[in-house]
Amino acid sequence: MTIRILLVDDHKTMLWGLERLIQAEAPAFTLAGSAGDAAEAVALCTALQPDVVLLDLDLKGSSSLAILPTLLACSSARVVIFSANRDQATLTEAVKLGARGVVGKEAPTEDVLAAVRKVHGGELWIDQSLMQALLGQLTAPPPPANPEAPRIASLTAREREVIGMIVAGKGALNKELAERAFISERTLRNHLSTIYQKLDVANRLELYVYATRNGLG
């Protein structure tokens, strides 16, 4: 069975070399097409329906992670990342988004061809360090819940707005804060009384400390 490959890379010299590599492997491999940017990649993937997309991560200064889900949605192609980028967080994100293989641009041609074959056959082509990083993310325990979450959730949008003004205004007087919110001082005091009760704080200073500690500013 011939594997039809779409190449996506914004470096013309690299693209030329990949085209010759694929053509030299005929009839096992067929060059379905070549794209030099994200828009062209999506258009050709939709029109040509390749078996495998060999995708550079950096396309003219932007990350091709943004189009990866689209490439997978508009065709049945499997994606192999082919990139000089060795940032594990970025490569892990690519795999989480659906890429089935990752090959560095420094890899020998035999590895590039092997990755295409393996991924086309339904296998993964990911080095051990990247696989460990991916498994570490997937098996990491969720972050501990904030014990203050129920209290914070009880706040209304208006009360959150008042808290934001308290944090931003720091030592501003109630009169000044009320004017900023277009409410009376009495209304502001009523809001503050309710907020103090909900968050179990005694005054504006404690509210300021509580808000900054829990990201309510």
Protein backbone atom coordinates (compact mmCIF):
# COMPACT_ATOMS: atom_id res chain seq x y z
CA MET A 1 0.00 0.00 0.00
CA THR A 2 1.33 3.42 -0.97
CA ILE A 3 1.51 5.99 1.84
CA ARG A 4 0.44 9.42 0.60
CA ILE A 5 2.29 12.18 2.43
CA LEU A 6 1.62 15.90 2.76
CA LEU A 7 4.71 17.94 3.67
CA VAL A 8 4.32 21.18 5.64
CA ASP A 9 7.41 23.35 6.15
CA ASP A 10 8.12 27.04 5.58
CA HIS A 11 11.80 26.50 4.69
CA LYS A 12 12.01 25.94 0.94
CA THR A 13 15.34 24.15 1.09
CA MET A 14 14.07 21.73 3.75
CA LEU A 15 10.85 21.22 1.78
CA TRP A 16 12.82 20.51 -1.39
CA GLY A 17 14.94 17.92 0.42
CA LEU A 18 11.89 16.21 1.93
CA GLU A 19 10.18 16.07 -1.45
CA ARG A 20 13.22 14.32 -2.96
CA LEU A 21 13.36 11.94 0.01
CA ILE A 22 9.73 10.91 -0.42
CA GLN A 23 9.98 10.63 -4.20
CA ALA A 24 13.02 8.38 -3.84
CA GLU A 25 10.93 5.94 -1.78
CA ALA A 26 8.33 5.37 -4.51
CA PRO A 27 6.19 3.34 -4.85
CA ALA A 28 6.02 2.78 -1.06
CA PHE A 29 5.65 6.54 -0.50
CA THR A 30 3.87 9.10 -2.67
CA LEU A 31 4.15 12.87 -2.36
CA ALA A 32 0.55 14.06 -2.08
CA GLY A 33 1.54 17.73 -1.84
CA SER A 34 3.65 20.39 -0.15
CA ALA A 35 2.59 23.44 1.86
CA GLY A 36 4.61 26.39 3.11
CA ASP A 37 2.17 27.99 5.57
CA ALA A 38 -0.75 27.17 7.85
CA ALA A 39 -3.57 28.21 5.52
CA GLU A 40 -2.13 26.24 2.61
CA ALA A 41 -1.62 23.22 4.86
CA VAL A 42 -5.28 23.17 5.91
CA ALA A 43 -6.50 23.69 2.34
CA LEU A 44 -4.32 20.93 0.88
CA CYS A 45 -5.08 18.51 3.70
CA THR A 46 -8.79 18.98 3.08
CA ALA A 47 -8.48 18.67 -0.70
CA LEU A 48 -5.89 15.89 -0.97
CA GLN A 49 -6.82 13.71 2.04
CA PRO A 50 -3.27 12.41 2.66
CA ASP A 51 -2.46 9.42 4.84
CA VAL A 52 0.26 11.20 6.82
CA VAL A 53 1.09 14.88 7.37
CA LEU A 54 4.73 15.64 8.14
CA LEU A 55 4.29 18.92 9.99
CA ASP A 56 6.88 21.53 10.98
CA LEU A 57 6.03 23.14 14.33
CA ASP A 58 7.17 26.64 13.38
CA LEU A 59 5.49 28.14 10.32
CA LYS A 60 6.62 31.66 9.50
CA GLY A 61 6.93 32.65 13.12
CA SER A 62 3.72 31.04 14.38
CA SER A 63 3.12 27.67 16.01
CA SER A 64 1.41 25.06 13.90
CA LEU A 65 -0.17 23.66 17.08
CA ALA A 66 -3.01 26.05 16.27
CA ILE A 67 -3.90 24.15 13.08
CA LEU A 68 -3.18 20.63 14.35
CA PRO A 69 -6.77 19.92 15.50
CA THR A 70 -8.08 21.27 12.18
CA LEU A 71 -5.77 19.01 10.17
CA LEU A 72 -7.02 16.01 12.12
CA ALA A 73 -10.66 17.04 11.82
CA CYS A 74 -10.66 17.72 8.08
CA SER A 75 -9.07 14.40 7.10
CA SER A 76 -8.22 10.93 8.34
CA ALA A 77 -4.51 11.74 8.17
CA ARG A 78 -2.13 10.97 11.01
CA VAL A 79 0.31 13.72 11.92
CA VAL A 80 4.05 13.40 12.51
CA ILE A 81 5.72 16.49 13.99
CA PHE A 82 8.99 17.24 12.17
CA SER A 83 10.73 20.08 13.95
CA ALA A 84 13.95 21.54 15.30
CA ASN A 85 12.01 22.61 18.39
CA ARG A 86 13.04 20.39 21.32
CA ASP A 87 10.99 22.11 24.01
CA GLN A 88 9.33 19.20 25.78
CA ALA A 89 6.31 21.22 26.90
CA THR A 90 5.55 22.18 23.29
CA LEU A 91 6.11 18.67 21.94
CA THR A 92 4.01 17.17 24.73
CA GLU A 93 1.21 19.56 23.87
CA ALA A 94 1.44 18.47 20.23
CA VAL A 95 0.99 14.82 21.25
CA LYS A 96 -1.91 15.72 23.53
CA LEU A 97 -3.55 17.52 20.59
CA GLY A 98 -3.32 14.37 18.46
CA ALA A 99 0.10 14.10 16.85
CA ARG A 100 1.16 10.45 16.63
CA GLY A 101 4.87 10.96 16.10
CA VAL A 102 7.69 13.41 16.81
CA VAL A 103 10.92 13.50 14.80
CA GLY A 104 13.69 16.05 15.17
CA LYS A 105 15.07 17.74 12.07
CA GLU A 106 18.49 16.50 13.08
CA ALA A 107 17.32 12.87 12.83
CA PRO A 108 18.72 10.63 10.08
CA THR A 109 16.51 10.09 7.04
CA GLU A 110 15.97 6.47 8.08
CA ASP A 111 14.25 7.67 11.26
CA VAL A 112 12.01 10.07 9.35
CA LEU A 113 10.87 7.32 7.00
CA ALA A 114 10.47 4.84 9.86
CA ALA A 115 8.34 7.33 11.80
CA VAL A 116 6.03 7.78 8.82
CA ARG A 117 5.67 4.02 8.38
CA LYS A 118 5.03 3.36 12.08
CA VAL A 119 2.52 6.17 12.48
CA HIS A 120 0.70 5.19 9.29
CA GLY A 121 0.49 1.67 10.71
CA GLY A 122 -1.22 2.93 13.84
CA GLU A 123 1.78 3.06 16.15
CA LEU A 124 3.42 5.93 18.00
CA TRP A 125 6.87 7.32 17.26
CA ILE A 126 7.90 9.21 20.39
CA ASP A 127 11.28 9.11 22.14
CA GLN A 128 11.52 7.86 25.71
CA SER A 129 12.09 11.24 27.38
CA LEU A 130 9.05 12.77 25.70
CA MET A 131 6.92 9.75 26.55
CA GLN A 132 7.95 10.04 30.20
CA ALA A 133 7.07 13.74 30.22
CA LEU A 134 3.69 12.98 28.65
CA LEU A 135 2.92 10.19 31.10
CA GLY A 136 4.00 12.45 33.95
CA GLN A 137 1.45 15.06 32.91
CA LEU A 138 -1.32 12.54 32.41
CA THR A 139 -0.76 10.79 35.73
CA ALA A 140 0.00 13.86 37.86
CA PRO A 141 -2.50 14.33 40.70
CA PRO A 142 -4.85 17.28 40.30
CA PRO A 143 -3.88 20.44 42.18
CA PRO A 144 -5.32 20.63 45.68
CA ALA A 145 -8.68 22.36 45.92
CA ASN A 146 -8.75 25.81 47.45
CA PRO A 147 -10.54 25.46 50.81
CA GLU A 148 -11.86 29.00 50.31
CA ALA A 149 -13.55 28.08 47.01
CA PRO A 150 -17.09 27.71 48.47
CA ARG A 151 -16.90 31.14 50.10
CA ILE A 152 -15.52 32.74 46.95
CA ALA A 153 -18.23 31.07 44.85
CA SER A 154 -20.90 32.65 47.05
CA LEU A 155 -19.87 36.14 45.96
CA THR A 156 -22.02 37.94 43.43
CA ALA A 157 -20.55 39.66 40.37
CA ARG A 158 -21.15 43.04 42.03
CA GLU A 159 -19.41 41.92 45.22
CA ARG A 160 -16.41 40.74 43.19
CA GLU A 161 -16.35 44.13 41.51
CA VAL A 162 -16.30 45.87 44.91
CA ILE A 163 -13.46 43.61 46.06
CA GLY A 164 -11.54 44.45 42.90
CA MET A 165 -11.92 48.14 43.62
CA ILE A 166 -10.73 47.63 47.21
CA VAL A 167 -7.59 45.87 45.97
CA ALA A 168 -6.91 48.37 43.18
CA GLY A 169 -7.70 51.38 45.36
CA LYS A 170 -5.67 50.13 48.32
CA GLY A 171 -6.15 52.95 50.85
CA ALA A 172 -8.88 54.84 48.99
CA LEU A 173 -11.75 56.14 51.14
CA ASN A 174 -15.24 54.64 50.91
CA LYS A 175 -16.53 57.89 49.41
CA GLU A 176 -14.00 57.71 46.58
CA LEU A 177 -14.71 54.04 45.92
CA ALA A 178 -18.47 54.66 45.90
CA GLU A 179 -18.05 57.44 43.35
CA ARG A 180 -16.02 55.15 41.10
CA ALA A 181 -18.75 52.51 41.29
CA PHE A 182 -21.54 55.10 40.84
CA ILE A 183 -23.21 54.02 44.05
CA SER A 184 -23.83 55.69 47.40
CA GLU A 185 -21.53 55.22 50.37
CA ARG A 186 -24.39 53.48 52.17
CA THR A 187 -24.75 50.96 49.35
CA LEU A 188 -21.00 50.39 49.38
CA ARG A 189 -21.05 49.79 53.14
CA ASN A 190 -23.90 47.31 52.70
CA HIS A 191 -21.88 45.46 50.07
CA LEU A 192 -18.85 45.40 52.33
CA SER A 193 -20.86 44.09 55.29
CA THR A 194 -22.14 41.21 53.17
CA ILE A 195 -18.67 40.51 51.80
CA TYR A 196 -17.13 40.50 55.30
CA GLN A 197 -19.74 37.98 56.43
CA LYS A 198 -19.32 35.71 53.42
CA LEU A 199 -15.51 35.68 53.56
CA ASP A 200 -15.23 35.74 57.37
CA VAL A 201 -13.08 38.87 57.49
CA ALA A 202 -13.44 41.77 59.92
CA ASN A 203 -12.45 44.86 57.98
CA ARG A 204 -11.04 46.28 54.75
CA LEU A 205 -7.46 45.42 55.65
CA GLU A 206 -8.32 41.75 56.21
CA LEU A 207 -10.39 41.82 53.00
CA TYR A 208 -7.41 43.22 51.08
CA VAL A 209 -5.12 40.47 52.40
CA TYR A 210 -7.73 37.77 51.71
CA ALA A 211 -8.38 39.06 48.16
CA THR A 212 -4.72 39.25 47.16
CA ARG A 213 -4.03 35.81 48.64
CA ASN A 214 -6.90 34.22 46.72
CA GLY A 215 -6.53 36.08 43.44
CA LEU A 216 -9.64 38.23 43.74
CA GLY A 217 -7.94 41.45 42.72
